[in-house]
C-alpha atoms as a PDB file:
ATOM      1  CA  UNK A   1     279.795  76.746  30.875  1.00  0.00           C
ATOM      2  CA  UNK A   2     277.340  78.612  29.369  1.00  0.00           C
ATOM      3  CA  UNK A   3     279.598  79.850  26.879  1.00  0.00           C
ATOM      4  CA  UNK A   4     279.817  75.722  25.313  1.00  0.00           C
ATOM      5  CA  UNK A   5     276.226  76.460  24.526  1.00  0.00           C
ATOM      6  CA  UNK A   6     275.216  75.994  21.000  1.00  0.00           C
ATOM      7  CA  UNK A   7     271.856  77.748  19.605  1.00  0.00           C
ATOM      8  CA  UNK A   8     269.778  76.201  17.139  1.00  0.00           C
ATOM      9  CA  UNK A   9     268.354  78.463  14.102  1.00  0.00           C
ATOM     10  CA  UNK A  10     264.895  77.688  16.094  1.00  0.00           C
ATOM     11  CA  UNK A  11     266.232  78.587  19.392  1.00  0.00           C
ATOM     12  CA  UNK A  12     268.191  82.083  18.188  1.00  0.00           C
ATOM     13  CA  UNK A  13     264.560  83.139  16.677  1.00  0.00           C
ATOM     14  CA  UNK A  14     262.549  81.855  20.234  1.00  0.00           C
ATOM     15  CA  UNK A  15     265.373  83.812  22.547  1.00  0.00           C
ATOM     16  CA  UNK A  16     265.525  86.733  20.431  1.00  0.00           C
ATOM     17  CA  UNK A  17     261.461  87.109  20.906  1.00  0.00           C
ATOM     18  CA  UNK A  18     261.253  86.143  24.448  1.00  0.00           C
ATOM     19  CA  UNK A  19     264.222  88.722  24.525  1.00  0.00           C
ATOM     20  CA  UNK A  20     262.145  91.312  22.553  1.00  0.00           C
ATOM     21  CA  UNK A  21     259.426  90.887  24.745  1.00  0.00           C
ATOM     22  CA  UNK A  22     261.107  91.224  28.057  1.00  0.00           C
ATOM     23  CA  UNK A  23     262.266  94.611  26.810  1.00  0.00           C
ATOM     24  CA  UNK A  24     259.159  96.131  26.084  1.00  0.00           C
ATOM     25  CA  UNK A  25     257.489  94.431  29.467  1.00  0.00           C
ATOM     26  CA  UNK A  26     260.388  96.347  31.106  1.00  0.00           C
ATOM     27  CA  UNK A  27     260.008  99.514  28.952  1.00  0.00           C
ATOM     28  CA  UNK A  28     256.816  99.946  29.633  1.00  0.00           C
ATOM     29  CA  UNK A  29     256.480  99.496  33.243  1.00  0.00           C
ATOM     30  CA  UNK A  30     259.775 102.224  33.681  1.00  0.00           C
ATOM     31  CA  UNK A  31     257.099 104.770  31.056  1.00  0.00           C
ATOM     32  CA  UNK A  32     254.339 103.888  33.802  1.00  0.00           C
ATOM     33  CA  UNK A  33     256.367 105.200  36.701  1.00  0.00           C
ATOM     34  CA  UNK A  34     258.033 107.885  34.924  1.00  0.00           C
ATOM     35  CA  UNK A  35     254.817 109.553  34.104  1.00  0.00           C
ATOM     36  CA  UNK A  36     253.287 109.180  37.501  1.00  0.00           C
ATOM     37  CA  UNK A  37     255.818 110.738  38.794  1.00  0.00           C
ATOM     38  CA  UNK A  38     256.225 113.056  36.176  1.00  0.00           C
ATOM     39  CA  UNK A  39     252.447 114.414  36.795  1.00  0.00           C
ATOM     40  CA  UNK A  40     253.265 114.407  40.281  1.00  0.00           C
ATOM     41  CA  UNK A  41     256.111 116.807  39.852  1.00  0.00           C
ATOM     42  CA  UNK A  42     255.633 120.187  41.446  1.00  0.00           C
ATOM     43  CA  UNK A  43     258.680 121.878  41.866  1.00  0.00           C
ATOM     44  CA  UNK A  44     261.931 122.045  39.999  1.00  0.00           C
ATOM     45  CA  UNK A  45     263.259 119.777  42.148  1.00  0.00           C
ATOM     46  CA  UNK A  46     261.164 117.113  41.923  1.00  0.00           C
ATOM     47  CA  UNK A  47     261.163 117.778  37.984  1.00  0.00           C
ATOM     48  CA  UNK A  48     265.361 116.801  38.408  1.00  0.00           C
ATOM     49  CA  UNK A  49     264.206 114.050  40.384  1.00  0.00           C
ATOM     50  CA  UNK A  50     262.122 112.408  37.510  1.00  0.00           C
ATOM     51  CA  UNK A  51     265.246 112.865  35.551  1.00  0.00           C
ATOM     52  CA  UNK A  52     267.646 111.231  37.649  1.00  0.00           C
ATOM     53  CA  UNK A  53     264.956 107.949  38.269  1.00  0.00           C
ATOM     54  CA  UNK A  54     265.368 108.178  34.112  1.00  0.00           C
ATOM     55  CA  UNK A  55     268.862 107.861  33.922  1.00  0.00           C
ATOM     56  CA  UNK A  56     269.066 105.522  36.922  1.00  0.00           C
ATOM     57  CA  UNK A  57     266.408 103.476  34.680  1.00  0.00           C
ATOM     58  CA  UNK A  58     268.409 103.514  32.204  1.00  0.00           C
ATOM     59  CA  UNK A  59     271.468 102.311  34.050  1.00  0.00           C
ATOM     60  CA  UNK A  60     269.747  99.339  35.216  1.00  0.00           C
ATOM     61  CA  UNK A  61     268.265  98.042  31.883  1.00  0.00           C
ATOM     62  CA  UNK A  62     271.892  98.587  29.640  1.00  0.00           C
ATOM     63  CA  UNK A  63     273.081  96.377  32.300  1.00  0.00           C
ATOM     64  CA  UNK A  64     269.783  93.627  32.792  1.00  0.00           C
ATOM     65  CA  UNK A  65     269.388  93.376  28.936  1.00  0.00           C
ATOM     66  CA  UNK A  66     272.411  91.720  27.141  1.00  0.00           C
ATOM     67  CA  UNK A  67     271.963  89.385  24.130  1.00  0.00           C
ATOM     68  CA  UNK A  68     275.275  87.658  23.884  1.00  0.00           C
ATOM     69  CA  UNK A  69     274.109  83.930  23.670  1.00  0.00           C
ATOM     70  CA  UNK A  70     276.687  83.224  26.143  1.00  0.00           C
ATOM     71  CA  UNK A  71     274.841  85.141  28.982  1.00  0.00           C
ATOM     72  CA  UNK A  72     271.495  84.625  27.974  1.00  0.00           C
ATOM     73  CA  UNK A  73     270.775  81.994  30.715  1.00  0.00           C
ATOM     74  CA  UNK A  74     271.583  84.568  33.364  1.00  0.00           C
ATOM     75  CA  UNK A  75     269.708  87.164  31.788  1.00  0.00           C
ATOM     76  CA  UNK A  76     266.201  85.067  30.804  1.00  0.00           C
ATOM     77  CA  UNK A  77     266.404  83.906  34.691  1.00  0.00           C
ATOM     78  CA  UNK A  78     266.830  87.513  36.271  1.00  0.00           C
ATOM     79  CA  UNK A  79     264.128  88.782  33.877  1.00  0.00           C
ATOM     80  CA  UNK A  80     261.670  85.851  34.959  1.00  0.00           C
ATOM     81  CA  UNK A  81     262.612  86.835  38.382  1.00  0.00           C
ATOM     82  CA  UNK A  82     262.029  90.234  37.914  1.00  0.00           C
ATOM     83  CA  UNK A  83     258.684  89.387  36.371  1.00  0.00           C
ATOM     84  CA  UNK A  84     259.811  90.869  32.967  1.00  0.00           C
ATOM     85  CA  UNK A  85     259.223  87.744  31.121  1.00  0.00           C
ATOM     86  CA  UNK A  86     257.175  84.629  31.036  1.00  0.00           C
ATOM     87  CA  UNK A  87     259.061  81.159  31.472  1.00  0.00           C
ATOM     88  CA  UNK A  88     256.502  80.112  28.656  1.00  0.00           C
ATOM     89  CA  UNK A  89     257.999  82.174  25.953  1.00  0.00           C
ATOM     90  CA  UNK A  90     261.179  79.854  26.372  1.00  0.00           C
ATOM     91  CA  UNK A  91     259.126  76.949  25.447  1.00  0.00           C
ATOM     92  CA  UNK A  92     261.100  75.926  22.151  1.00  0.00           C
ATOM     93  CA  UNK A  93     264.874  76.038  24.258  1.00  0.00           C
ATOM     94  CA  UNK A  94     266.619  72.800  24.801  1.00  0.00           C
ATOM     95  CA  UNK A  95     265.846  71.214  28.073  1.00  0.00           C
ATOM     96  CA  UNK A  96     269.232  71.798  28.853  1.00  0.00           C
ATOM     97  CA  UNK A  97     269.521  75.318  28.479  1.00  0.00           C
ATOM     98  CA  UNK A  98     265.609  75.964  30.465  1.00  0.00           C
ATOM     99  CA  UNK A  99     267.010  73.472  32.974  1.00  0.00           C
ATOM    100  CA  UNK A 100     270.399  76.016  33.621  1.00  0.00           C
ATOM    101  CA  UNK A 101     267.878  78.984  34.018  1.00  0.00           C
ATOM    102  CA  UNK A 102     265.465  77.123  36.158  1.00  0.00           C
ATOM    103  CA  UNK A 103     268.676  76.173  38.433  1.00  0.00           C
ATOM    104  CA  UNK A 104     269.980  79.775  38.604  1.00  0.00           C
ATOM    105  CA  UNK A 105     266.316  81.135  39.787  1.00  0.00           C
ATOM    106  CA  UNK A 106     266.494  78.297  42.391  1.00  0.00           C
ATOM    107  CA  UNK A 107     269.635  79.605  43.661  1.00  0.00           C
ATOM    108  CA  UNK A 108     268.696  83.284  43.823  1.00  0.00           C
ATOM    109  CA  UNK A 109     266.205  82.676  45.746  1.00  0.00           C
ATOM    110  CA  UNK A 110     263.559  82.986  42.526  1.00  0.00           C
END
């Protein structure tokens, strides 16, 4: 279903800009939490916990951010649900793609 989607050059630019914005947002949130944890770490075991947190966040972000066009509707829905992406940044995508993203959101319980 998603594999059959056609992306115009204009839609590809919109998608890339929205995707990059979400990456920046997600990384900024991780950075804030990392700094807070690092400042609070007072023992070696707490220091290693900060490292474990970063490792876990990297795995989650690597899983979340997939720029294959066949996956973008799912990716964008997740990013909106997890508040890394404002749906307004997807303005300009076809109605079909935006409706697909909204349907995924409604199935996931937004």
